[in-house]
Amino acid sequence: HVQLVESGGGSVQPGGSLTLSCAVSGATTRSNCMAWFRQAPGKEREGVARIYTETGASFYDNSVEGRFTVSLDNANNTELLQMNNLEPEDTAVYYCAATWSGGSCHWGTFDYWGQGTQVTVS
């Protein structure tokens, strides 16, 4: 069965950088779309970045536009999230997500999730 496993979280000072990775296993075909979400304490989960796996087209939440970059390492079945100029407001558990639903790449269409990795900026 499909599994998504995140890594790369940690603690960093404001202005610092981190790179999150999401390794995909158990899939027989390439996903249609992948994404990163985050959930801060006391807040709802929100979409951060998503990417069409076929075209590489990516979309970002306004709060991270220009600071975060989502990409794919197809050779290793991995999704990456490069996070630069981190702010305390970026502190959250970050989740990797994927969907195999044809043609769908919207925040509400993801049906496979990782377990999350903590990012703390202080």
PDB file of N, CA and C in Angstrom:
ATOM      1  N   HIS A   1       0.833  -1.180   0.000  1.00  0.00           N
ATOM      2  CA  HIS A   1       0.000   0.000   0.000  1.00  0.00           C
ATOM      3  C   HIS A   1       0.878   1.244   0.000  1.00  0.00           C
ATOM      4  N   VAL A   2       0.282   2.361  -0.391  1.00  0.00           N
ATOM      5  CA  VAL A   2       1.039   3.596  -0.531  1.00  0.00           C
ATOM      6  C   VAL A   2       1.411   4.160   0.839  1.00  0.00           C
ATOM      7  N   GLN A   3       2.657   4.587   0.962  1.00  0.00           N
ATOM      8  CA  GLN A   3       3.116   5.241   2.179  1.00  0.00           C
ATOM      9  C   GLN A   3       3.873   6.514   1.822  1.00  0.00           C
ATOM     10  N   LEU A   4       3.652   7.550   2.620  1.00  0.00           N
ATOM     11  CA  LEU A   4       4.387   8.802   2.493  1.00  0.00           C
ATOM     12  C   LEU A   4       5.122   9.032   3.802  1.00  0.00           C
ATOM     13  N   VAL A   5       6.399   9.274   3.727  1.00  0.00           N
ATOM     14  CA  VAL A   5       7.199   9.451   4.938  1.00  0.00           C
ATOM     15  C   VAL A   5       7.996  10.747   4.826  1.00  0.00           C
ATOM     16  N   GLU A   6       7.690  11.686   5.743  1.00  0.00           N
ATOM     17  CA  GLU A   6       8.386  12.971   5.750  1.00  0.00           C
ATOM     18  C   GLU A   6       9.665  12.901   6.591  1.00  0.00           C
ATOM     19  N   SER A   7      10.588  13.771   6.260  1.00  0.00           N
ATOM     20  CA  SER A   7      11.800  13.936   7.053  1.00  0.00           C
ATOM     21  C   SER A   7      12.331  15.346   6.836  1.00  0.00           C
ATOM     22  N   GLY A   8      13.250  15.756   7.688  1.00  0.00           N
ATOM     23  CA  GLY A   8      13.907  17.046   7.500  1.00  0.00           C
ATOM     24  C   GLY A   8      13.444  18.150   8.419  1.00  0.00           C
ATOM     25  N   GLY A   9      12.455  17.881   9.241  1.00  0.00           N
ATOM     26  CA  GLY A   9      12.000  18.908  10.171  1.00  0.00           C
ATOM     27  C   GLY A   9      13.035  19.171  11.252  1.00  0.00           C
ATOM     28  N   GLY A  10      12.802  20.227  12.014  1.00  0.00           N
ATOM     29  CA  GLY A  10      13.719  20.568  13.091  1.00  0.00           C
ATOM     30  C   GLY A  10      13.481  21.964  13.599  1.00  0.00           C
ATOM     31  N   SER A  11      14.447  22.468  14.340  1.00  0.00           N
ATOM     32  CA  SER A  11      14.367  23.809  14.905  1.00  0.00           C
ATOM     33  C   SER A  11      15.361  24.713  14.211  1.00  0.00           C
ATOM     34  N   VAL A  12      14.930  25.940  13.947  1.00  0.00           N
ATOM     35  CA  VAL A  12      15.780  26.896  13.241  1.00  0.00           C
ATOM     36  C   VAL A  12      15.451  28.296  13.732  1.00  0.00           C
ATOM     37  N   GLN A  13      16.406  29.189  13.637  1.00  0.00           N
ATOM     38  CA  GLN A  13      16.170  30.573  14.018  1.00  0.00           C
ATOM     39  C   GLN A  13      15.459  31.318  12.902  1.00  0.00           C
ATOM     40  N   PRO A  14      14.753  32.379  13.226  1.00  0.00           N
ATOM     41  CA  PRO A  14      14.121  33.195  12.181  1.00  0.00           C
ATOM     42  C   PRO A  14      15.136  33.626  11.131  1.00  0.00           C
ATOM     43  N   GLY A  15      14.713  33.527   9.886  1.00  0.00           N
ATOM     44  CA  GLY A  15      15.602  33.832   8.774  1.00  0.00           C
ATOM     45  C   GLY A  15      16.357  32.633   8.251  1.00  0.00           C
ATOM     46  N   GLY A  16      16.278  31.526   8.960  1.00  0.00           N
ATOM     47  CA  GLY A  16      16.976  30.320   8.554  1.00  0.00           C
ATOM     48  C   GLY A  16      16.234  29.529   7.488  1.00  0.00           C
ATOM     49  N   SER A  17      16.811  28.389   7.134  1.00  0.00           N
ATOM     50  CA  SER A  17      16.261  27.547   6.079  1.00  0.00           C
ATOM     51  C   SER A  17      16.190  26.087   6.513  1.00  0.00           C
ATOM     52  N   LEU A  18      15.243  25.392   5.935  1.00  0.00           N
ATOM     53  CA  LEU A  18      15.115  23.948   6.109  1.00  0.00           C
ATOM     54  C   LEU A  18      14.610  23.363   4.807  1.00  0.00           C
ATOM     55  N   THR A  19      14.943  22.096   4.580  1.00  0.00           N
ATOM     56  CA  THR A  19      14.400  21.365   3.438  1.00  0.00           C
ATOM     57  C   THR A  19      13.706  20.120   3.941  1.00  0.00           C
ATOM     58  N   LEU A  20      12.415  20.003   3.636  1.00  0.00           N
ATOM     59  CA  LEU A  20      11.641  18.829   3.985  1.00  0.00           C
ATOM     60  C   LEU A  20      11.618  17.868   2.795  1.00  0.00           C
ATOM     61  N   SER A  21      11.612  16.577   3.111  1.00  0.00           N
ATOM     62  CA  SER A  21      11.514  15.544   2.089  1.00  0.00           C
ATOM     63  C   SER A  21      10.342  14.640   2.383  1.00  0.00           C
ATOM     64  N   CYS A  22       9.740  14.124   1.320  1.00  0.00           N
ATOM     65  CA  CYS A  22       8.630  13.182   1.442  1.00  0.00           C
ATOM     66  C   CYS A  22       8.901  12.026   0.494  1.00  0.00           C
ATOM     67  N   ALA A  23       9.184  10.876   1.070  1.00  0.00           N
ATOM     68  CA  ALA A  23       9.461   9.693   0.265  1.00  0.00           C
ATOM     69  C   ALA A  23       8.179   8.898   0.052  1.00  0.00           C
ATOM     70  N   VAL A  24       7.905   8.569  -1.204  1.00  0.00           N
ATOM     71  CA  VAL A  24       6.708   7.823  -1.580  1.00  0.00           C
ATOM     72  C   VAL A  24       7.103   6.382  -1.872  1.00  0.00           C
ATOM     73  N   SER A  25       6.373   5.444  -1.280  1.00  0.00           N
ATOM     74  CA  SER A  25       6.633   4.034  -1.540  1.00  0.00           C
ATOM     75  C   SER A  25       5.318   3.293  -1.713  1.00  0.00           C
ATOM     76  N   GLY A  26       5.392   2.140  -2.351  1.00  0.00           N
ATOM     77  CA  GLY A  26       4.224   1.289  -2.496  1.00  0.00           C
ATOM     78  C   GLY A  26       3.309   1.630  -3.649  1.00  0.00           C
ATOM     79  N   ALA A  27       3.631   2.661  -4.417  1.00  0.00           N
ATOM     80  CA  ALA A  27       2.772   3.049  -5.532  1.00  0.00           C
ATOM     81  C   ALA A  27       3.240   2.382  -6.814  1.00  0.00           C
ATOM     82  N   THR A  28       2.282   1.958  -7.639  1.00  0.00           N
ATOM     83  CA  THR A  28       2.628   1.323  -8.913  1.00  0.00           C
ATOM     84  C   THR A  28       2.659   2.324 -10.060  1.00  0.00           C
ATOM     85  N   THR A  29       2.024   3.477  -9.847  1.00  0.00           N
ATOM     86  CA  THR A  29       2.046   4.545 -10.849  1.00  0.00           C
ATOM     87  C   THR A  29       2.384   5.870 -10.169  1.00  0.00           C
ATOM     88  N   ARG A  30       2.736   6.845 -10.960  1.00  0.00           N
ATOM     89  CA  ARG A  30       3.056   8.162 -10.424  1.00  0.00           C
ATOM     90  C   ARG A  30       1.779   8.863  -9.983  1.00  0.00           C
ATOM     91  N   SER A  31       1.858   9.542  -8.870  1.00  0.00           N
ATOM     92  CA  SER A  31       0.711  10.314  -8.403  1.00  0.00           C
ATOM     93  C   SER A  31       0.414  11.450  -9.378  1.00  0.00           C
ATOM     94  N   ASN A  32      -0.805  11.958  -9.329  1.00  0.00           N
ATOM     95  CA  ASN A  32      -1.192  13.072 -10.183  1.00  0.00           C
ATOM     96  C   ASN A  32      -0.712  14.397  -9.612  1.00  0.00           C
ATOM     97  N   CYS A  33      -0.747  14.494  -8.300  1.00  0.00           N
ATOM     98  CA  CYS A  33      -0.418  15.758  -7.653  1.00  0.00           C
ATOM     99  C   CYS A  33       0.090  15.486  -6.252  1.00  0.00           C
ATOM    100  N   MET A  34       1.027  16.287  -5.814  1.00  0.00           N
ATOM    101  CA  MET A  34       1.523  16.184  -4.441  1.00  0.00           C
ATOM    102  C   MET A  34       1.499  17.565  -3.800  1.00  0.00           C
ATOM    103  N   ALA A  35       1.522  17.554  -2.478  1.00  0.00           N
ATOM    104  CA  ALA A  35       1.397  18.822  -1.770  1.00  0.00           C
ATOM    105  C   ALA A  35       2.042  18.756  -0.392  1.00  0.00           C
ATOM    106  N   TRP A  36       2.208  19.935   0.174  1.00  0.00           N
ATOM    107  CA  TRP A  36       2.589  20.094   1.567  1.00  0.00           C
ATOM    108  C   TRP A  36       1.509  20.905   2.274  1.00  0.00           C
ATOM    109  N   PHE A  37       1.108  20.413   3.431  1.00  0.00           N
ATOM    110  CA  PHE A  37       0.189  21.112   4.316  1.00  0.00           C
ATOM    111  C   PHE A  37       0.895  21.346   5.645  1.00  0.00           C
ATOM    112  N   ARG A  38       0.328  22.204   6.459  1.00  0.00           N
ATOM    113  CA  ARG A  38       0.863  22.389   7.805  1.00  0.00           C
ATOM    114  C   ARG A  38      -0.269  22.677   8.770  1.00  0.00           C
ATOM    115  N   GLN A  39      -0.011  22.344  10.031  1.00  0.00           N
ATOM    116  CA  GLN A  39      -0.990  22.618  11.075  1.00  0.00           C
ATOM    117  C   GLN A  39      -0.266  23.134  12.303  1.00  0.00           C
ATOM    118  N   ALA A  40      -0.561  24.359  12.660  1.00  0.00           N
ATOM    119  CA  ALA A  40       0.003  24.970  13.861  1.00  0.00           C
ATOM    120  C   ALA A  40      -0.909  24.676  15.053  1.00  0.00           C
ATOM    121  N   PRO A  41      -0.381  24.726  16.263  1.00  0.00           N
ATOM    122  CA  PRO A  41      -1.207  24.458  17.455  1.00  0.00           C
ATOM    123  C   PRO A  41      -2.427  25.370  17.500  1.00  0.00           C
ATOM    124  N   GLY A  42      -3.582  24.764  17.685  1.00  0.00           N
ATOM    125  CA  GLY A  42      -4.804  25.533  17.803  1.00  0.00           C
ATOM    126  C   GLY A  42      -5.373  26.043  16.504  1.00  0.00           C
ATOM    127  N   LYS A  43      -4.760  25.669  15.403  1.00  0.00           N
ATOM    128  CA  LYS A  43      -5.227  26.138  14.095  1.00  0.00           C
ATOM    129  C   LYS A  43      -5.595  24.963  13.207  1.00  0.00           C
ATOM    130  N   GLU A  44      -6.362  25.258  12.171  1.00  0.00           N
ATOM    131  CA  GLU A  44      -6.728  24.233  11.207  1.00  0.00           C
ATOM    132  C   GLU A  44      -5.561  23.958  10.257  1.00  0.00           C
ATOM    133  N   ARG A  45      -5.562  22.778   9.695  1.00  0.00           N
ATOM    134  CA  ARG A  45      -4.548  22.439   8.700  1.00  0.00           C
ATOM    135  C   ARG A  45      -4.744  23.309   7.461  1.00  0.00           C
ATOM    136  N   GLU A  46      -3.656  23.786   6.901  1.00  0.00           N
ATOM    137  CA  GLU A  46      -3.734  24.649   5.722  1.00  0.00           C
ATOM    138  C   GLU A  46      -2.757  24.172   4.657  1.00  0.00           C
ATOM    139  N   GLY A  47      -3.137  24.385   3.402  1.00  0.00           N
ATOM    140  CA  GLY A  47      -2.268  24.044   2.296  1.00  0.00           C
ATOM    141  C   GLY A  47      -1.144  25.058   2.154  1.00  0.00           C
ATOM    142  N   VAL A  48       0.064  24.564   1.895  1.00  0.00           N
ATOM    143  CA  VAL A  48       1.239  25.419   1.767  1.00  0.00           C
ATOM    144  C   VAL A  48       1.694  25.500   0.313  1.00  0.00           C
ATOM    145  N   ALA A  49       1.839  24.321  -0.311  1.00  0.00           N
ATOM    146  CA  ALA A  49       2.311  24.267  -1.689  1.00  0.00           C
ATOM    147  C   ALA A  49       1.829  22.972  -2.315  1.00  0.00           C
ATOM    148  N   ARG A  50       1.556  23.011  -3.618  1.00  0.00           N
ATOM    149  CA  ARG A  50       1.178  21.794  -4.330  1.00  0.00           C
ATOM    150  C   ARG A  50       1.809  21.803  -5.708  1.00  0.00           C
ATOM    151  N   ILE A  51       1.970  20.628  -6.296  1.00  0.00           N
ATOM    152  CA  ILE A  51       2.673  20.520  -7.568  1.00  0.00           C
ATOM    153  C   ILE A  51       2.099  19.388  -8.392  1.00  0.00           C
ATOM    154  N   TYR A  52       1.815  19.681  -9.660  1.00  0.00           N
ATOM    155  CA  TYR A  52       1.425  18.656 -10.614  1.00  0.00           C
ATOM    156  C   TYR A  52       2.658  17.816 -10.938  1.00  0.00           C
ATOM    157  N   THR A  53       2.551  16.515 -10.789  1.00  0.00           N
ATOM    158  CA  THR A  53       3.740  15.688 -10.979  1.00  0.00           C
ATOM    159  C   THR A  53       4.124  15.551 -12.455  1.00  0.00           C
ATOM    160  N   GLU A  54       3.182  15.686 -13.364  1.00  0.00           N
ATOM    161  CA  GLU A  54       3.507  15.529 -14.779  1.00  0.00           C
ATOM    162  C   GLU A  54       4.160  16.776 -15.371  1.00  0.00           C
ATOM    163  N   THR A  55       3.644  17.927 -15.009  1.00  0.00           N
ATOM    164  CA  THR A  55       4.132  19.168 -15.622  1.00  0.00           C
ATOM    165  C   THR A  55       5.112  19.929 -14.735  1.00  0.00           C
ATOM    166  N   GLY A  56       5.053  19.671 -13.436  1.00  0.00           N
ATOM    167  CA  GLY A  56       5.879  20.434 -12.511  1.00  0.00           C
ATOM    168  C   GLY A  56       5.290  21.770 -12.130  1.00  0.00           C
ATOM    169  N   ALA A  57       4.104  22.083 -12.651  1.00  0.00           N
ATOM    170  CA  ALA A  57       3.460  23.346 -12.291  1.00  0.00           C
ATOM    171  C   ALA A  57       3.172  23.359 -10.792  1.00  0.00           C
ATOM    172  N   SER A  58       3.491  24.467 -10.148  1.00  0.00           N
ATOM    173  CA  SER A  58       3.353  24.543  -8.695  1.00  0.00           C
ATOM    174  C   SER A  58       2.532  25.756  -8.280  1.00  0.00           C
ATOM    175  N   PHE A  59       1.949  25.663  -7.112  1.00  0.00           N
ATOM    176  CA  PHE A  59       1.097  26.710  -6.575  1.00  0.00           C
ATOM    177  C   PHE A  59       1.392  26.850  -5.088  1.00  0.00           C
ATOM    178  N   TYR A  60       1.305  28.087  -4.590  1.00  0.00           N
ATOM    179  CA  TYR A  60       1.675  28.357  -3.209  1.00  0.00           C
ATOM    180  C   TYR A  60       0.618  29.182  -2.498  1.00  0.00           C
ATOM    181  N   ASP A  61       0.526  28.969  -1.203  1.00  0.00           N
ATOM    182  CA  ASP A  61      -0.277  29.863  -0.388  1.00  0.00           C
ATOM    183  C   ASP A  61       0.434  31.215  -0.325  1.00  0.00           C
ATOM    184  N   ASN A  62      -0.347  32.273  -0.219  1.00  0.00           N
ATOM    185  CA  ASN A  62       0.240  33.619  -0.207  1.00  0.00           C
ATOM    186  C   ASN A  62       1.257  33.798   0.911  1.00  0.00           C
ATOM    187  N   SER A  63       1.053  33.102   2.013  1.00  0.00           N
ATOM    188  CA  SER A  63       1.917  33.293   3.181  1.00  0.00           C
ATOM    189  C   SER A  63       3.343  32.789   2.967  1.00  0.00           C
ATOM    190  N   VAL A  64       3.540  31.929   1.958  1.00  0.00           N
ATOM    191  CA  VAL A  64       4.875  31.366   1.730  1.00  0.00           C
ATOM    192  C   VAL A  64       5.415  31.693   0.355  1.00  0.00           C
ATOM    193  N   GLU A  65       4.614  32.339  -0.480  1.00  0.00           N
ATOM    194  CA  GLU A  65       5.039  32.687  -1.840  1.00  0.00           C
ATOM    195  C   GLU A  65       6.353  33.451  -1.801  1.00  0.00           C
ATOM    196  N   GLY A  66       7.317  32.998  -2.589  1.00  0.00           N
ATOM    197  CA  GLY A  66       8.609  33.673  -2.653  1.00  0.00           C
ATOM    198  C   GLY A  66       9.614  33.181  -1.627  1.00  0.00           C
ATOM    199  N   ARG A  67       9.171  32.429  -0.646  1.00  0.00           N
ATOM    200  CA  ARG A  67      10.079  31.896   0.382  1.00  0.00           C
ATOM    201  C   ARG A  67      10.218  30.377   0.302  1.00  0.00           C
ATOM    202  N   PHE A  68       9.145  29.699  -0.086  1.00  0.00           N
ATOM    203  CA  PHE A  68       9.139  28.239  -0.153  1.00  0.00           C
ATOM    204  C   PHE A  68       9.149  27.801  -1.620  1.00  0.00           C
ATOM    205  N   THR A  69       9.787  26.658  -1.883  1.00  0.00           N
ATOM    206  CA  THR A  69       9.796  26.079  -3.217  1.00  0.00           C
ATOM    207  C   THR A  69       9.527  24.585  -3.121  1.00  0.00           C
ATOM    208  N   VAL A  70       8.504  24.133  -3.838  1.00  0.00           N
ATOM    209  CA  VAL A  70       8.175  22.712  -3.883  1.00  0.00           C
ATOM    210  C   VAL A  70       8.749  22.128  -5.171  1.00  0.00           C
ATOM    211  N   SER A  71       9.287  20.916  -5.076  1.00  0.00           N
ATOM    212  CA  SER A  71       9.872  20.284  -6.258  1.00  0.00           C
ATOM    213  C   SER A  71       9.778  18.773  -6.127  1.00  0.00           C
ATOM    214  N   LEU A  72      10.110  18.100  -7.222  1.00  0.00           N
ATOM    215  CA  LEU A  72      10.049  16.641  -7.270  1.00  0.00           C
ATOM    216  C   LEU A  72      11.412  16.069  -7.632  1.00  0.00           C
ATOM    217  N   ASP A  73      11.781  15.013  -6.949  1.00  0.00           N
ATOM    218  CA  ASP A  73      12.957  14.221  -7.313  1.00  0.00           C
ATOM    219  C   ASP A  73      12.403  12.897  -7.804  1.00  0.00           C
ATOM    220  N   ASN A  74      12.074  12.850  -9.107  1.00  0.00           N
ATOM    221  CA  ASN A  74      11.374  11.687  -9.647  1.00  0.00           C
ATOM    222  C   ASN A  74      12.228  10.415  -9.586  1.00  0.00           C
ATOM    223  N   ALA A  75      13.522  10.576  -9.678  1.00  0.00           N
ATOM    224  CA  ALA A  75      14.399   9.403  -9.635  1.00  0.00           C
ATOM    225  C   ALA A  75      14.295   8.678  -8.292  1.00  0.00           C
ATOM    226  N   ASN A  76      13.968   9.442  -7.243  1.00  0.00           N
ATOM    227  CA  ASN A  76      13.889   8.859  -5.910  1.00  0.00           C
ATOM    228  C   ASN A  76      12.478   8.864  -5.335  1.00  0.00           C
ATOM    229  N   ASN A  77      11.490   9.139  -6.202  1.00  0.00           N
ATOM    230  CA  ASN A  77      10.086   9.175  -5.755  1.00  0.00           C
ATOM    231  C   ASN A  77       9.933  10.035  -4.509  1.00  0.00           C
ATOM    232  N   THR A  78      10.479  11.229  -4.582  1.00  0.00           N
ATOM    233  CA  THR A  78      10.500  12.115  -3.420  1.00  0.00           C
ATOM    234  C   THR A  78       9.998  13.501  -3.785  1.00  0.00           C
ATOM    235  N   GLU A  79       9.228  14.077  -2.873  1.00  0.00           N
ATOM    236  CA  GLU A  79       8.790  15.466  -2.992  1.00  0.00           C
ATOM    237  C   GLU A  79       9.596  16.277  -1.981  1.00  0.00           C
ATOM    238  N   LEU A  80      10.017  17.455  -2.392  1.00  0.00           N
ATOM    239  CA  LEU A  80      10.827  18.309  -1.534  1.00  0.00           C
ATOM    240  C   LEU A  80      10.129  19.638  -1.270  1.00  0.00           C
ATOM    241  N   LEU A  81      10.428  20.228  -0.134  1.00  0.00           N
ATOM    242  CA  LEU A  81       9.966  21.574   0.163  1.00  0.00           C
ATOM    243  C   LEU A  81      11.143  22.350   0.738  1.00  0.00           C
ATOM    244  N   GLN A  82      11.684  23.257  -0.068  1.00  0.00           N
ATOM    245  CA  GLN A  82      12.760  24.133   0.371  1.00  0.00           C
ATOM    246  C   GLN A  82      12.143  25.352   1.021  1.00  0.00           C
ATOM    247  N   MET A  83      12.477  25.589   2.274  1.00  0.00           N
ATOM    248  CA  MET A  83      11.893  26.691   3.025  1.00  0.00           C
ATOM    249  C   MET A  83      12.998  27.665   3.417  1.00  0.00           C
ATOM    250  N   ASN A  84      12.906  28.878   2.906  1.00  0.00           N
ATOM    251  CA  ASN A  84      13.893  29.916   3.181  1.00  0.00           C
ATOM    252  C   ASN A  84      13.260  31.056   3.965  1.00  0.00           C
ATOM    253  N   ASN A  85      14.109  31.852   4.597  1.00  0.00           N
ATOM    254  CA  ASN A  85      13.644  33.023   5.336  1.00  0.00           C
ATOM    255  C   ASN A  85      12.482  32.668   6.265  1.00  0.00           C
ATOM    256  N   LEU A  86      12.675  31.634   7.027  1.00  0.00           N
ATOM    257  CA  LEU A  86      11.611  31.141   7.898  1.00  0.00           C
ATOM    258  C   LEU A  86      11.253  32.146   8.974  1.00  0.00           C
ATOM    259  N   GLU A  87       9.971  32.169   9.307  1.00  0.00           N
ATOM    260  CA  GLU A  87       9.422  33.086  10.296  1.00  0.00           C
ATOM    261  C   GLU A  87       8.798  32.276  11.432  1.00  0.00           C
ATOM    262  N   PRO A  88       8.682  32.872  12.622  1.00  0.00           N
ATOM    263  CA  PRO A  88       8.033  32.141  13.731  1.00  0.00           C
ATOM    264  C   PRO A  88       6.636  31.644  13.362  1.00  0.00           C
ATOM    265  N   GLU A  89       5.953  32.377  12.483  1.00  0.00           N
ATOM    266  CA  GLU A  89       4.610  31.977  12.063  1.00  0.00           C
ATOM    267  C   GLU A  89       4.610  30.709  11.218  1.00  0.00           C
ATOM    268  N   ASP A  90       5.782  30.270  10.774  1.00  0.00           N
ATOM    269  CA  ASP A  90       5.880  29.029  10.003  1.00  0.00           C
ATOM    270  C   ASP A  90       5.949  27.800  10.900  1.00  0.00           C
ATOM    271  N   THR A  91       6.025  28.004  12.212  1.00  0.00           N
ATOM    272  CA  THR A  91       6.076  26.885  13.144  1.00  0.00           C
ATOM    273  C   THR A  91       4.803  26.057  13.052  1.00  0.00           C
ATOM    274  N   ALA A  92       4.969  24.764  12.791  1.00  0.00           N
ATOM    275  CA  ALA A  92       3.820  23.876  12.600  1.00  0.00           C
ATOM    276  C   ALA A  92       4.324  22.458  12.367  1.00  0.00           C
ATOM    277  N   VAL A  93       3.382  21.520  12.376  1.00  0.00           N
ATOM    278  CA  VAL A  93       3.666  20.179  11.868  1.00  0.00           C
ATOM    279  C   VAL A  93       3.365  20.204  10.373  1.00  0.00           C
ATOM    280  N   TYR A  94       4.335  19.789   9.583  1.00  0.00           N
ATOM    281  CA  TYR A  94       4.197  19.795   8.129  1.00  0.00           C
ATOM    282  C   TYR A  94       3.896  18.379   7.636  1.00  0.00           C
ATOM    283  N   TYR A  95       2.879  18.290   6.779  1.00  0.00           N
ATOM    284  CA  TYR A  95       2.427  17.013   6.244  1.00  0.00           C
ATOM    285  C   TYR A  95       2.600  16.978   4.735  1.00  0.00           C
ATOM    286  N   CYS A  96       3.060  15.845   4.257  1.00  0.00           N
ATOM    287  CA  CYS A  96       3.107  15.561   2.835  1.00  0.00           C
ATOM    288  C   CYS A  96       1.792  14.897   2.436  1.00  0.00           C
ATOM    289  N   ALA A  97       1.317  15.187   1.234  1.00  0.00           N
ATOM    290  CA  ALA A  97       0.077  14.591   0.756  1.00  0.00           C
ATOM    291  C   ALA A  97       0.185  14.298  -0.731  1.00  0.00           C
ATOM    292  N   ALA A  98      -0.620  13.335  -1.184  1.00  0.00           N
ATOM    293  CA  ALA A  98      -0.616  12.964  -2.592  1.00  0.00           C
ATOM    294  C   ALA A  98      -2.000  12.492  -3.015  1.00  0.00           C
ATOM    295  N   THR A  99      -2.258  12.609  -4.310  1.00  0.00           N
ATOM    296  CA  THR A  99      -3.489  12.077  -4.861  1.00  0.00           C
ATOM    297  C   THR A  99      -3.199  11.429  -6.202  1.00  0.00           C
ATOM    298  N   TRP A 100      -3.935  10.350  -6.480  1.00  0.00           N
ATOM    299  CA  TRP A 100      -3.856   9.685  -7.779  1.00  0.00           C
ATOM    300  C   TRP A 100      -5.128   9.936  -8.595  1.00  0.00           C
ATOM    301  N   SER A 101      -5.987  10.797  -8.088  1.00  0.00           N
ATOM    302  CA  SER A 101      -7.214  11.125  -8.805  1.00  0.00           C
ATOM    303  C   SER A 101      -6.868  11.897 -10.062  1.00  0.00           C
ATOM    304  N   GLY A 102      -7.301  11.399 -11.205  1.00  0.00           N
ATOM    305  CA  GLY A 102      -6.937  11.993 -12.477  1.00  0.00           C
ATOM    306  C   GLY A 102      -7.368  13.426 -12.609  1.00  0.00           C
ATOM    307  N   GLY A 103      -6.455  14.314 -12.939  1.00  0.00           N
ATOM    308  CA  GLY A 103      -6.776  15.704 -13.231  1.00  0.00           C
ATOM    309  C   GLY A 103      -6.990  16.595 -12.038  1.00  0.00           C
ATOM    310  N   SER A 104      -6.947  16.043 -10.844  1.00  0.00           N
ATOM    311  CA  SER A 104      -7.236  16.858  -9.666  1.00  0.00           C
ATOM    312  C   SER A 104      -5.963  17.315  -8.988  1.00  0.00           C
ATOM    313  N   CYS A 105      -5.905  18.585  -8.669  1.00  0.00           N
ATOM    314  CA  CYS A 105      -4.769  19.107  -7.909  1.00  0.00           C
ATOM    315  C   CYS A 105      -5.229  20.339  -7.136  1.00  0.00           C
ATOM    316  N   HIS A 106      -6.250  20.144  -6.317  1.00  0.00           N
ATOM    317  CA  HIS A 106      -6.749  21.228  -5.484  1.00  0.00           C
ATOM    318  C   HIS A 106      -6.566  20.851  -4.024  1.00  0.00           C
ATOM    319  N   TRP A 107      -6.621  21.824  -3.143  1.00  0.00           N
ATOM    320  CA  TRP A 107      -6.327  21.585  -1.736  1.00  0.00           C
ATOM    321  C   TRP A 107      -7.194  20.491  -1.142  1.00  0.00           C
ATOM    322  N   GLY A 108      -8.408  20.320  -1.643  1.00  0.00           N
ATOM    323  CA  GLY A 108      -9.324  19.358  -1.050  1.00  0.00           C
ATOM    324  C   GLY A 108      -9.307  17.972  -1.641  1.00  0.00           C
ATOM    325  N   THR A 109      -8.359  17.688  -2.562  1.00  0.00           N
ATOM    326  CA  THR A 109      -8.431  16.420  -3.289  1.00  0.00           C
ATOM    327  C   THR A 109      -7.388  15.393  -2.876  1.00  0.00           C
ATOM    328  N   PHE A 110      -6.648  15.650  -1.805  1.00  0.00           N
ATOM    329  CA  PHE A 110      -5.580  14.745  -1.414  1.00  0.00           C
ATOM    330  C   PHE A 110      -6.101  13.656  -0.495  1.00  0.00           C
ATOM    331  N   ASP A 111      -5.716  12.403  -0.786  1.00  0.00           N
ATOM    332  CA  ASP A 111      -6.251  11.298  -0.026  1.00  0.00           C
ATOM    333  C   ASP A 111      -5.192  10.383   0.581  1.00  0.00           C
ATOM    334  N   TYR A 112      -3.923  10.704   0.385  1.00  0.00           N
ATOM    335  CA  TYR A 112      -2.841   9.983   1.043  1.00  0.00           C
ATOM    336  C   TYR A 112      -1.984  10.990   1.797  1.00  0.00           C
ATOM    337  N   TRP A 113      -1.656  10.632   3.042  1.00  0.00           N
ATOM    338  CA  TRP A 113      -0.976  11.572   3.924  1.00  0.00           C
ATOM    339  C   TRP A 113       0.194  10.915   4.646  1.00  0.00           C
ATOM    340  N   GLY A 114       1.211  11.710   4.915  1.00  0.00           N
ATOM    341  CA  GLY A 114       2.292  11.260   5.771  1.00  0.00           C
ATOM    342  C   GLY A 114       1.955  11.505   7.228  1.00  0.00           C
ATOM    343  N   GLN A 115       2.891  11.152   8.099  1.00  0.00           N
ATOM    344  CA  GLN A 115       2.648  11.254   9.534  1.00  0.00           C
ATOM    345  C   GLN A 115       3.000  12.628  10.085  1.00  0.00           C
ATOM    346  N   GLY A 116       3.702  13.433   9.313  1.00  0.00           N
ATOM    347  CA  GLY A 116       4.030  14.790   9.734  1.00  0.00           C
ATOM    348  C   GLY A 116       5.427  14.911  10.304  1.00  0.00           C
ATOM    349  N   THR A 117       5.986  16.109  10.147  1.00  0.00           N
ATOM    350  CA  THR A 117       7.298  16.413  10.727  1.00  0.00           C
ATOM    351  C   THR A 117       7.242  17.825  11.310  1.00  0.00           C
ATOM    352  N   GLN A 118       7.797  17.991  12.496  1.00  0.00           N
ATOM    353  CA  GLN A 118       7.699  19.257  13.212  1.00  0.00           C
ATOM    354  C   GLN A 118       8.744  20.253  12.717  1.00  0.00           C
ATOM    355  N   VAL A 119       8.291  21.467  12.463  1.00  0.00           N
ATOM    356  CA  VAL A 119       9.183  22.586  12.140  1.00  0.00           C
ATOM    357  C   VAL A 119       8.948  23.669  13.185  1.00  0.00           C
ATOM    358  N   THR A 120      10.016  24.075  13.857  1.00  0.00           N
ATOM    359  CA  THR A 120       9.921  25.102  14.884  1.00  0.00           C
ATOM    360  C   THR A 120      10.868  26.238  14.537  1.00  0.00           C
ATOM    361  N   VAL A 121      10.344  27.451  14.489  1.00  0.00           N
ATOM    362  CA  VAL A 121      11.144  28.632  14.175  1.00  0.00           C
ATOM    363  C   VAL A 121      11.087  29.568  15.380  1.00  0.00           C
ATOM    364  N   SER A 122      12.204  29.716  16.068  1.00  0.00           N
ATOM    365  CA  SER A 122      12.249  30.596  17.232  1.00  0.00           C
ATOM    366  C   SER A 122      13.674  31.003  17.541  1.00  0.00           C
TER     367      SER A 122
END
